[in-house]
Protein backbone atom coordinates (compact mmCIF):
# COMPACT_ATOMS: atom_id res chain seq x y z
CA MET A 1 222.60 100.48 92.01
CA THR A 2 224.39 101.24 88.90
CA GLN A 3 221.33 103.32 87.67
CA VAL A 4 220.93 105.05 90.87
CA GLY A 5 224.61 105.95 90.98
CA SER A 6 224.36 107.23 87.23
CA SER A 7 221.29 109.20 88.23
CA ILE A 8 223.24 110.80 91.20
CA ALA A 9 226.14 111.55 89.04
CA GLY A 10 223.97 113.18 86.33
CA LEU A 11 222.20 115.29 89.09
CA LEU A 12 225.49 116.57 90.26
CA PHE A 13 226.89 117.26 86.89
CA ALA A 14 223.71 119.17 86.20
CA TYR A 15 224.17 121.11 89.51
CA LYS A 16 227.59 122.15 88.63
CA MET A 17 226.29 123.53 85.21
CA LEU A 18 223.59 125.33 86.57
CA GLU A 19 226.01 126.80 89.45
CA ASN A 20 227.77 128.91 86.82
CA PHE A 21 224.37 130.75 85.57
CA LEU A 22 221.81 130.71 88.67
CA PRO A 23 222.15 133.12 91.60
CA TYR A 24 223.12 131.95 95.10
CA GLU A 25 219.42 132.52 96.36
CA ILE A 26 218.19 129.97 93.96
CA LEU A 27 220.91 127.37 94.51
CA ARG A 28 220.83 127.43 98.18
CA PRO A 29 217.68 125.40 98.70
CA ILE A 30 218.93 123.16 95.72
CA ARG A 31 222.21 122.49 97.42
CA ARG A 32 220.57 121.60 100.53
CA LYS A 33 218.61 118.94 98.82
CA ILE A 34 221.58 117.34 96.99
CA HIS A 35 223.29 117.30 100.30
CA LYS A 36 220.30 115.46 102.02
CA LEU A 37 220.11 113.03 98.97
CA THR A 38 223.83 112.19 98.84
CA ALA A 39 224.04 111.78 102.80
CA SER A 40 221.03 109.35 102.87
CA PHE A 41 223.13 107.07 100.61
CA ASP A 42 226.57 107.54 102.71
CA PRO A 43 226.76 104.97 105.68
CA TYR A 44 229.37 106.89 107.64
CA LEU A 45 229.46 109.76 109.95
CA GLU A 46 231.94 112.38 110.44
CA ILE A 47 232.92 114.40 113.58
CA THR A 48 235.08 117.39 113.30
CA ILE A 49 237.20 118.78 116.28
CA PRO A 50 238.57 122.18 115.59
CA GLU A 51 242.01 123.31 117.19
CA TYR A 52 240.45 126.57 118.27
CA GLN A 53 237.00 126.96 119.64
CA GLY A 54 234.65 129.91 120.25
CA ASP A 55 236.16 133.23 119.45
CA GLY A 56 239.37 131.65 118.17
CA PHE A 57 241.78 132.98 120.95
CA LYS A 58 241.76 129.76 123.23
CA ARG A 59 242.97 126.37 122.00
CA SER A 60 240.38 123.66 122.51
CA SER A 61 241.28 121.27 125.34
CA ALA A 62 239.26 118.50 123.54
CA TYR A 63 241.71 119.03 120.55
CA ALA A 64 244.90 118.94 122.68
CA SER A 65 243.71 115.71 124.49
CA ILE A 66 242.95 113.92 121.13
CA GLU A 67 246.19 114.99 119.86
CA ARG A 68 248.03 113.38 122.86
CA TYR A 69 245.80 110.10 122.33
CA LEU A 70 246.52 109.99 118.67
CA ASN A 71 250.42 110.61 118.78
CA ILE A 72 250.55 106.89 120.12
CA ILE A 73 248.73 105.56 117.20
CA SER A 74 250.35 107.76 114.78
CA THR A 75 253.94 106.37 115.80
CA LYS A 76 252.93 103.06 114.62
CA GLN A 77 250.84 103.95 111.50
CA ALA A 78 251.47 107.19 110.00
CA GLN A 79 253.44 107.35 106.94
CA CYS A 80 254.37 110.95 107.46
CA LEU A 81 255.20 112.13 110.73
CA GLN A 82 256.16 115.69 112.41
CA ALA A 83 258.64 115.88 115.09
CA ASN A 84 258.30 118.03 118.30
CA ILE A 85 260.37 118.40 121.44
CA THR A 86 258.52 118.74 124.57
CA GLY A 87 258.41 117.82 128.42
CA LYS A 88 261.15 117.92 131.08
CA THR A 89 263.16 115.16 129.50
CA LYS A 90 263.26 117.07 126.15
CA LYS A 91 261.80 114.02 124.51
CA VAL A 92 260.96 113.88 120.81
CA VAL A 93 257.36 113.25 120.30
CA LEU A 94 256.05 112.15 116.72
CA THR A 95 252.54 113.41 115.55
CA MET A 96 250.94 112.76 112.33
CA ALA A 97 251.25 115.47 109.45
CA GLU A 98 248.36 117.22 107.82
CA GLY A 99 246.60 114.98 105.45
CA GLU A 100 247.64 111.78 107.21
CA GLU A 101 245.09 109.04 108.14
CA ILE A 102 244.96 106.58 110.82
CA THR A 103 242.85 103.95 112.13
CA ASP A 104 241.63 102.99 115.70
CA GLU A 105 239.59 100.27 117.11
CA TYR A 106 237.21 100.25 120.09
CA LYS A 107 234.89 97.22 121.37
CA GLY A 108 235.28 95.89 117.84
CA ILE A 109 234.34 99.15 115.96
CA LYS A 110 236.78 100.45 113.43
CA LEU A 111 237.10 104.24 113.21
CA TRP A 112 239.48 106.66 111.02
CA TRP A 113 241.04 109.57 112.29
CA LYS A 114 242.43 112.23 109.79
CA SER A 115 244.44 115.54 110.33
CA ASP A 116 243.86 118.44 108.22
CA LYS A 117 243.82 122.11 107.98
CA ILE A 118 242.42 124.97 106.29
CA THR A 119 244.46 127.76 104.67
CA PRO A 120 242.34 131.00 103.79
CA ASN A 121 243.10 133.39 100.86
CA LYS A 122 246.31 134.96 101.68
CA GLN A 123 245.20 138.07 100.02
CA ILE A 124 242.73 138.55 103.03
CA ILE A 125 244.44 140.51 105.93
CA SER A 126 242.96 139.54 109.33
CA MET A 127 243.58 140.67 112.68
CA HIS A 128 242.84 137.26 114.01
CA PRO A 129 245.81 135.50 115.35
CA HIS A 130 245.19 132.08 114.20
CA GLU A 131 243.29 133.25 110.85
CA ASP A 132 246.11 132.12 108.75
CA GLU A 133 245.69 128.56 109.42
CA LYS A 134 243.00 126.35 110.99
CA LYS A 135 243.73 122.84 112.13
CA TYR A 136 241.26 120.19 112.90
CA PHE A 137 240.58 116.38 113.31
CA THR A 138 237.88 114.41 111.67
CA LEU A 139 236.73 111.09 112.87
CA THR A 140 234.77 108.86 110.63
CA PHE A 141 232.73 105.90 111.67
CA HIS A 142 229.80 103.71 110.59
CA LYS A 143 226.29 105.08 111.15
CA ARG A 144 225.17 102.09 113.28
CA TYR A 145 228.01 102.87 115.93
CA ARG A 146 226.77 106.37 116.55
CA GLU A 147 225.60 105.74 120.10
CA THR A 148 228.72 104.07 121.14
CA VAL A 149 231.13 106.32 119.63
CA THR A 150 229.33 109.55 120.89
CA GLU A 151 228.66 108.36 124.30
CA GLN A 152 231.63 106.26 125.19
CA TYR A 153 234.48 106.16 122.61
CA LEU A 154 235.20 110.02 122.36
CA LYS A 155 235.12 110.11 126.45
CA HIS A 156 237.60 107.27 126.30
CA VAL A 157 239.76 109.11 123.92
CA LEU A 158 239.59 112.42 126.11
CA ASP A 159 240.30 110.57 129.36
CA GLU A 160 243.09 108.79 127.86
CA GLY A 161 244.54 112.00 126.40
CA LYS A 162 244.36 113.89 129.55
CA ALA A 163 246.13 111.17 131.35
CA ILE A 164 248.95 111.22 128.79
CA GLU A 165 248.97 114.91 128.80
CA ALA A 166 249.57 115.01 132.69
CA LYS A 167 252.20 112.58 132.61
CA GLU A 168 254.24 114.34 129.90
CA ARG A 169 253.09 117.86 131.25
CA GLN A 170 255.76 120.48 131.48
CA ARG A 171 255.63 122.97 134.53
CA LYS A 172 255.33 126.71 133.59
CA LEU A 173 256.34 129.83 135.59
CA TYR A 174 253.68 132.83 134.65
CA THR A 175 254.01 136.57 135.31
CA ASN A 176 251.35 138.98 134.30
CA ILE A 177 251.98 141.51 131.40
CA LYS A 178 252.03 145.33 132.34
CA ARG A 179 250.82 146.38 129.11
CA ARG A 180 249.37 144.45 126.19
CA SER A 181 251.51 144.55 122.99
CA TRP A 182 249.81 144.81 119.60
CA GLY A 183 248.40 141.26 118.89
CA THR A 184 248.91 140.02 122.32
CA GLN A 185 245.76 138.41 123.79
CA SER A 186 246.84 136.88 127.01
CA LEU A 187 247.54 139.05 130.03
CA TRP A 188 250.16 136.29 131.17
CA SER A 189 253.64 135.41 129.46
CA HIS A 190 255.55 132.36 130.78
CA VAL A 191 258.69 130.61 130.93
CA VAL A 192 259.45 126.74 131.58
CA PHE A 193 259.74 126.06 135.15
CA GLU A 194 262.77 123.83 136.05
CA HIS A 195 263.39 124.79 139.45
CA PRO A 196 265.11 121.83 141.38
CA ALA A 197 263.87 122.62 144.93
CA SER A 198 261.87 119.64 146.74
CA PHE A 199 260.65 118.94 150.53
CA ASP A 200 263.39 116.32 150.68
CA THR A 201 265.98 119.28 150.29
CA MET A 202 264.31 122.07 152.29
CA ALA A 203 265.98 122.96 155.58
CA MET A 204 263.20 122.61 157.77
CA ASP A 205 261.93 120.55 160.96
CA PRO A 206 261.02 117.18 159.71
CA LEU A 207 257.60 117.02 161.43
CA LYS A 208 256.67 120.34 160.13
CA LYS A 209 257.72 119.46 156.83
CA GLN A 210 255.60 116.23 156.64
CA GLU A 211 252.76 118.24 158.20
CA ILE A 212 252.86 120.82 155.02
CA MET A 213 253.27 118.01 152.49
CA ASP A 214 250.24 115.99 154.06
CA ASP A 215 248.14 119.22 154.04
CA LEU A 216 249.07 119.73 150.20
CA MET A 217 248.23 116.00 149.21
CA THR A 218 245.01 116.22 151.08
CA PHE A 219 244.02 119.35 149.33
CA ALA A 220 245.01 117.94 145.82
CA LYS A 221 242.81 114.67 146.34
CA GLY A 222 240.09 116.70 147.69
CA LYS A 223 237.65 117.35 144.77
CA ASP A 224 234.75 115.47 145.98
CA TYR A 225 235.25 116.69 149.55
CA TYR A 226 235.20 120.42 148.62
CA ALA A 227 232.01 119.89 146.54
CA LYS A 228 230.40 118.11 149.35
CA ILE A 229 230.77 120.94 151.70
CA GLY A 230 230.03 123.85 149.12
CA LYS A 231 233.20 125.36 148.98
CA ALA A 232 235.44 126.53 145.83
CA TRP A 233 238.30 123.96 145.29
CA LYS A 234 241.14 126.30 146.64
CA ARG A 235 243.62 126.86 149.48
CA GLY A 236 245.37 129.89 150.89
CA TYR A 237 248.69 129.62 152.63
CA LEU A 238 250.45 132.60 154.12
CA LEU A 239 254.44 132.23 154.31
CA TYR A 240 255.99 134.61 156.65
CA GLY A 241 259.58 135.06 158.26
CA PRO A 242 262.73 136.86 157.77
CA PRO A 243 264.34 137.25 154.53
CA GLY A 244 266.53 134.32 153.57
CA THR A 245 264.48 131.78 155.47
CA GLY A 246 263.23 129.81 152.18
CA LYS A 247 259.85 131.33 151.31
CA SER A 248 260.40 131.16 147.68
CA THR A 249 262.02 127.61 147.78
CA MET A 250 258.80 126.46 149.64
CA ILE A 251 256.73 127.72 146.81
CA ALA A 252 258.95 125.86 144.26
CA ALA A 253 258.83 122.75 146.36
CA MET A 254 255.07 122.93 146.59
CA ALA A 255 254.82 123.20 142.69
CA ASN A 256 257.32 120.18 142.33
CA LEU A 257 255.32 118.13 144.61
CA LEU A 258 251.94 118.76 143.35
CA ASN A 259 253.01 119.33 139.45
CA TYR A 260 251.37 122.62 139.35
CA ASP A 261 252.03 125.84 137.25
CA ILE A 262 252.99 128.93 139.16
CA TYR A 263 251.53 132.34 138.58
CA ASP A 264 253.60 135.05 139.83
CA LEU A 265 251.16 137.88 140.16
CA GLU A 266 252.83 141.44 140.60
CA LEU A 267 249.77 143.77 141.89
CA THR A 268 251.95 146.76 141.10
CA SER A 269 251.30 146.11 137.24
CA VAL A 270 247.68 145.53 137.61
CA LYS A 271 245.76 148.47 136.47
CA ASP A 272 242.31 148.04 138.36
CA ASN A 273 240.00 145.34 140.13
CA THR A 274 238.47 144.36 136.83
CA GLN A 275 241.97 143.48 135.21
CA LEU A 276 242.81 141.51 138.45
CA ARG A 277 239.55 139.46 138.06
CA LYS A 278 240.55 138.86 134.39
CA LEU A 279 244.15 137.80 135.56
CA LEU A 280 242.58 135.25 137.87
CA ILE A 281 240.10 134.08 135.52
CA GLU A 282 242.77 133.17 132.93
CA THR A 283 244.86 130.98 135.31
CA SER A 284 244.35 127.44 134.87
CA GLY A 285 243.93 124.70 137.13
CA LYS A 286 246.42 122.78 138.94
CA SER A 287 248.30 126.11 139.64
CA ILE A 288 249.81 128.20 142.41
CA ILE A 289 248.80 131.74 142.53
CA VAL A 290 251.61 133.71 144.48
CA ILE A 291 251.85 137.19 145.53
CA GLU A 292 255.16 137.89 147.01
CA ASP A 293 255.91 140.61 149.68
CA ILE A 294 252.09 141.24 149.95
CA ASP A 295 253.01 144.02 152.86
CA CYS A 296 254.74 145.95 149.96
CA SER A 297 252.27 145.33 147.18
CA LEU A 298 249.34 147.00 148.97
CA ASP A 299 249.42 149.75 151.72
CA LEU A 300 248.43 147.56 154.59
CA THR A 301 249.14 148.60 158.00
CA GLY A 302 246.88 146.29 159.91
CA GLN A 303 244.18 148.99 160.47
CA ARG A 304 241.80 150.07 157.78
CA LYS A 305 241.57 153.72 157.14
CA LYS A 306 238.61 155.66 158.10
CA LYS A 307 236.43 157.17 155.46
CA LYS A 308 237.39 160.69 156.32
CA GLU A 309 241.03 159.84 156.01
CA ASN A 310 240.81 157.94 152.68
CA GLU A 311 240.26 160.41 149.91
CA ASP A 312 240.07 157.80 147.25
CA GLY A 313 238.05 155.03 148.88
CA ASP A 314 235.12 154.24 151.24
CA GLY A 315 237.37 153.29 154.26
CA ASP A 316 236.43 149.67 153.84
CA GLY A 317 239.96 148.33 152.34
CA ASP A 318 239.90 150.63 149.52
CA ASN A 319 243.71 151.28 149.87
CA LYS A 320 244.98 152.34 146.43
CA ILE A 321 248.42 151.21 145.18
CA LYS A 322 250.87 153.15 143.14
CA ILE A 323 251.83 151.67 139.76
CA ASP A 324 255.64 151.14 139.79
CA GLY A 325 257.69 153.63 137.77
CA GLU A 326 254.80 156.02 136.97
CA LYS A 327 254.36 159.26 138.64
CA ASN A 328 251.15 160.78 139.81
CA GLU A 329 249.37 157.70 138.64
CA ARG A 330 247.42 155.52 141.01
CA SER A 331 246.25 151.91 140.18
CA GLN A 332 242.46 151.34 140.87
CA VAL A 333 243.08 148.07 142.67
CA THR A 334 241.86 147.94 146.20
CA LEU A 335 242.01 145.56 149.19
CA SER A 336 238.43 144.96 148.95
CA GLY A 337 238.93 144.22 145.32
CA LEU A 338 241.79 141.74 146.02
CA LEU A 339 239.58 140.19 149.06
CA ASN A 340 236.85 139.54 146.49
CA SER A 341 238.99 138.06 143.85
CA ILE A 342 240.65 135.50 146.06
CA ASP A 343 237.68 134.73 148.31
CA GLY A 344 234.58 136.18 146.58
CA LEU A 345 232.12 134.91 144.04
CA TRP A 346 235.02 135.38 141.39
CA SER A 347 237.21 132.89 143.34
CA ALA A 348 234.99 130.07 142.19
CA CYS A 349 235.78 130.55 138.65
CA GLY A 350 238.45 127.99 138.49
CA ASN A 351 239.19 124.79 140.41
CA GLU A 352 242.42 123.23 142.15
CA ARG A 353 244.32 126.40 142.85
CA ILE A 354 246.51 127.27 145.59
CA ILE A 355 246.99 130.88 146.36
CA VAL A 356 250.37 131.76 148.47
CA PHE A 357 251.06 135.21 150.09
CA THR A 358 254.57 135.84 151.48
CA THR A 359 255.66 138.53 153.67
CA ASN A 360 258.78 139.56 155.96
CA HIS A 361 256.31 141.54 158.31
CA VAL A 362 253.22 139.77 158.87
CA GLU A 363 252.26 142.03 161.72
CA LYS A 364 251.71 144.72 158.87
CA LEU A 365 248.88 142.93 157.25
CA ASP A 366 245.12 143.58 157.40
CA ALA A 367 243.48 141.03 159.80
CA ALA A 368 240.96 140.43 157.03
CA LEU A 369 243.51 139.50 154.52
CA ILE A 370 245.02 136.57 156.27
CA ARG A 371 241.81 135.20 158.02
CA SER A 372 240.77 131.64 157.90
CA GLY A 373 238.98 131.04 154.52
CA ARG A 374 241.47 133.36 152.64
CA MET A 375 244.94 132.18 154.14
CA ASP A 376 243.98 128.73 155.68
CA LYS A 377 247.31 127.69 156.80
CA HIS A 378 249.90 130.04 158.33
CA ILE A 379 253.49 128.75 157.95
CA GLU A 380 256.28 130.65 159.73
CA LEU A 381 259.64 130.08 158.05
CA SER A 382 262.18 131.14 160.82
CA TYR A 383 265.80 131.13 161.74
CA CYS A 384 267.98 127.82 161.15
CA GLY A 385 267.61 125.31 164.03
CA PHE A 386 269.74 122.17 164.43
CA GLU A 387 267.36 119.93 162.51
CA ALA A 388 267.19 122.42 159.54
CA PHE A 389 271.20 122.42 159.53
CA LYS A 390 271.60 118.55 159.23
CA VAL A 391 269.58 118.68 156.06
CA LEU A 392 271.69 121.33 154.75
CA ALA A 393 274.82 119.49 155.86
CA ASN A 394 273.63 116.28 153.97
CA ASN A 395 272.76 118.32 150.74
CA TYR A 396 275.86 120.47 150.47
CA LEU A 397 278.49 117.95 152.26
CA ASN A 398 276.94 114.59 152.18
CA ILE A 399 277.51 114.05 155.88
CA ASP A 400 274.94 112.85 158.30
CA SER A 401 276.85 113.15 161.45
CA HIS A 402 280.11 114.59 162.75
CA HIS A 403 279.87 114.45 166.53
CA ASP A 404 282.51 116.71 167.63
CA LEU A 405 281.71 119.60 165.33
CA PHE A 406 278.05 119.01 165.21
CA GLU A 407 277.46 119.34 169.05
CA LYS A 408 279.22 122.71 168.91
CA ILE A 409 277.22 123.89 166.06
CA ARG A 410 273.97 122.82 167.96
CA GLY A 411 275.02 124.96 170.89
CA LEU A 412 275.80 127.86 168.54
CA LEU A 413 272.53 127.51 166.62
CA GLU A 414 270.59 127.67 169.89
CA GLU A 415 272.40 130.89 170.93
CA THR A 416 272.21 132.83 167.71
CA LYS A 417 269.78 133.68 164.86
CA ILE A 418 271.03 132.90 161.25
CA THR A 419 269.03 132.02 158.33
CA PRO A 420 269.12 128.87 156.33
CA ALA A 421 270.37 130.86 153.35
CA ASP A 422 273.42 132.05 155.46
CA VAL A 423 274.25 128.61 156.83
CA ALA A 424 274.12 127.01 153.22
CA GLU A 425 276.43 129.75 151.96
CA ASN A 426 279.21 128.72 154.62
CA LEU A 427 278.61 125.11 153.98
CA MET A 428 279.17 125.28 150.47
CA PRO A 429 282.84 124.38 149.56
CA LYS A 430 284.57 127.21 147.77
CA SER A 431 285.56 126.58 144.15
CA GLY A 432 289.26 125.85 143.53
CA THR A 433 290.20 125.65 147.08
CA GLY A 434 290.21 122.02 147.60
CA GLU A 435 288.29 122.55 151.04
CA ASP A 436 287.21 119.22 152.61
CA LYS A 437 284.07 118.77 154.98
CA GLU A 438 285.66 119.43 158.32
CA SER A 439 287.11 122.92 156.81
CA CYS A 440 283.54 123.89 155.70
CA LEU A 441 282.11 123.06 159.11
CA LEU A 442 284.76 124.92 160.81
CA ARG A 443 284.04 127.86 158.74
CA LEU A 444 280.36 127.62 159.67
CA ILE A 445 281.44 127.62 163.18
CA GLU A 446 283.55 130.84 162.80
CA ALA A 447 280.58 132.55 161.35
CA LEU A 448 278.18 131.29 163.89
CA GLU A 449 280.77 132.86 166.66
CA ASP A 450 280.93 135.93 164.80
CA VAL A 451 277.03 136.44 164.81
CA LYS A 452 276.95 135.48 168.61
CA LYS A 453 279.51 137.98 169.01
CA LYS A 454 277.67 140.61 167.23
CA GLU A 455 274.41 139.98 169.00
CA ILE A 456 276.12 140.29 172.38
CA GLU A 457 277.46 143.75 171.31
CA LYS A 458 274.21 144.68 170.09
CA LYS A 459 272.65 143.45 173.28
CA LEU A 460 275.02 145.59 175.31
CA LYS A 461 274.27 148.59 173.25
CA ALA A 462 270.74 148.07 173.70
CA GLU A 463 271.14 147.83 177.43
CA GLN A 464 273.39 150.92 177.61
CA LEU A 465 270.70 152.98 175.70
CA LEU A 466 268.11 151.81 177.94
CA ASN A 467 269.99 152.77 181.09
CA LYS A 468 270.84 156.11 179.57
CA LYS A 469 267.16 156.68 179.03
CA LYS A 470 266.25 155.50 182.64
CA LEU A 471 269.17 157.89 184.00
CA ARG A 472 267.61 160.59 181.86
CA LYS A 473 264.13 159.90 183.06
CA LYS A 474 265.36 160.13 186.76
CA LEU A 475 267.41 163.46 186.08
CA ASN A 476 264.26 164.91 184.45
CA LYS A 477 262.52 164.27 187.88
CA ILE A 478 265.13 165.72 190.00
CA ILE A 479 264.97 168.72 187.83
CA ASP A 480 261.29 169.10 188.22
CA VAL A 481 261.57 168.82 192.03
CA VAL A 482 264.88 170.87 192.56
CA GLY A 483 264.68 173.41 189.76
CA ARG A 484 262.82 176.30 190.54
CA ASN A 485 263.88 178.74 187.88
CA SER A 486 265.06 178.82 184.11
CA LEU A 487 268.83 179.50 185.13
CA THR A 488 268.63 176.51 187.74
CA LYS A 489 267.01 174.12 185.18
CA THR A 490 269.53 175.11 182.56
CA ARG A 491 272.49 174.51 184.73
CA LEU A 492 270.93 171.12 185.54
CA HIS A 493 270.52 170.28 182.13
CA SER A 494 274.03 171.06 181.38
CA ASN A 495 275.33 168.99 184.14
């Protein structure tokens, strides 16, 4: 072995000397043979996992999962650690620094993990967003365990890493970027989503609330079911009702219940159908794609325009939208393009996604947009009822019952139309006034009585207007019968 080692060392030394004099074309086959020779004596194998894959613009999900898995081992073994703050709890997470090496054990097999990076020549100017630094993990193990490591251990590491990532996952709220700035690759930008809304605090009928929660949880656990029936793993929800009835709060509660990200899609900022597809492809799984006020985003009147009336489309849903803030420019996004994106072939490019439309005027929407298969569940969020009031009273005043005033409020809620937002505003104690719970309830009663009074006045005005129209109609009939000339008709009209 000593002689073999000396021979290999001599060959390597000779190769280094020749490298300075021989051209690359001659050195290339020599280099390959030397590599094979040295590898045959090395009992260990290496697997490299780079941080960025493919074109280098998308971070490798495998790298992220391995990083999560190794963080736990690194905390106990690594001599040099890096500290990062992440997650909802702002917890400090320790990771091993570049160049550090740690060991792991799986079914009696010893494995070595190393974190490293490649820093290219700084004199080279690159347009690549991550060209300045390429991080990677290297896994080293004995050759005899190749099958166990490649088929079992790596799967174990990825599964464990994904589980840790899901547990520590920080939800995000995305919005689509109208125009890409220089160097920006993604069509989405995001902020941390920390909305406190939950179904427990939502002002809704308890039975209706539980029905929605059960439907959401059934969807989240339905991967195998959707595969069995041959449908994309997605579900559509249409939220409709007057302003202030909690549509946005419902979306936040859905995201918090399922631990999903939210993609707030602003259609007026989308250039055309192609960009719309790109946006949807870039969304991740476990996400809620929201288009708020869909009736304002597209020109949908519930009836499709005929071909001869539609100068820019084919009459089959090609209603164009105008880009907000730009004069004389029309987006090429069409209704048919939207329908294909949410329910066509492109809708299958991604799993576990919920699509939510909101509107204040459901009657304005095209029937094709809200049919089953696109908007599977229609949820009406209406005015505040007594059950919803009790939830708000518990949230804002921490009271479950107040028999005298509650009964009066029940009667007023049955006779008036008031949104949960208005009820909540009246129940909230005013800062610095020292209001007690009863004062807040009395203020709400006063507000409800004021609403009731206005509704009565509005009803009386409507009846008076209707009576005037009926009287005018009768007078017109009399004029038609009695009036024989223009002079007579003019006098009767004046009277």
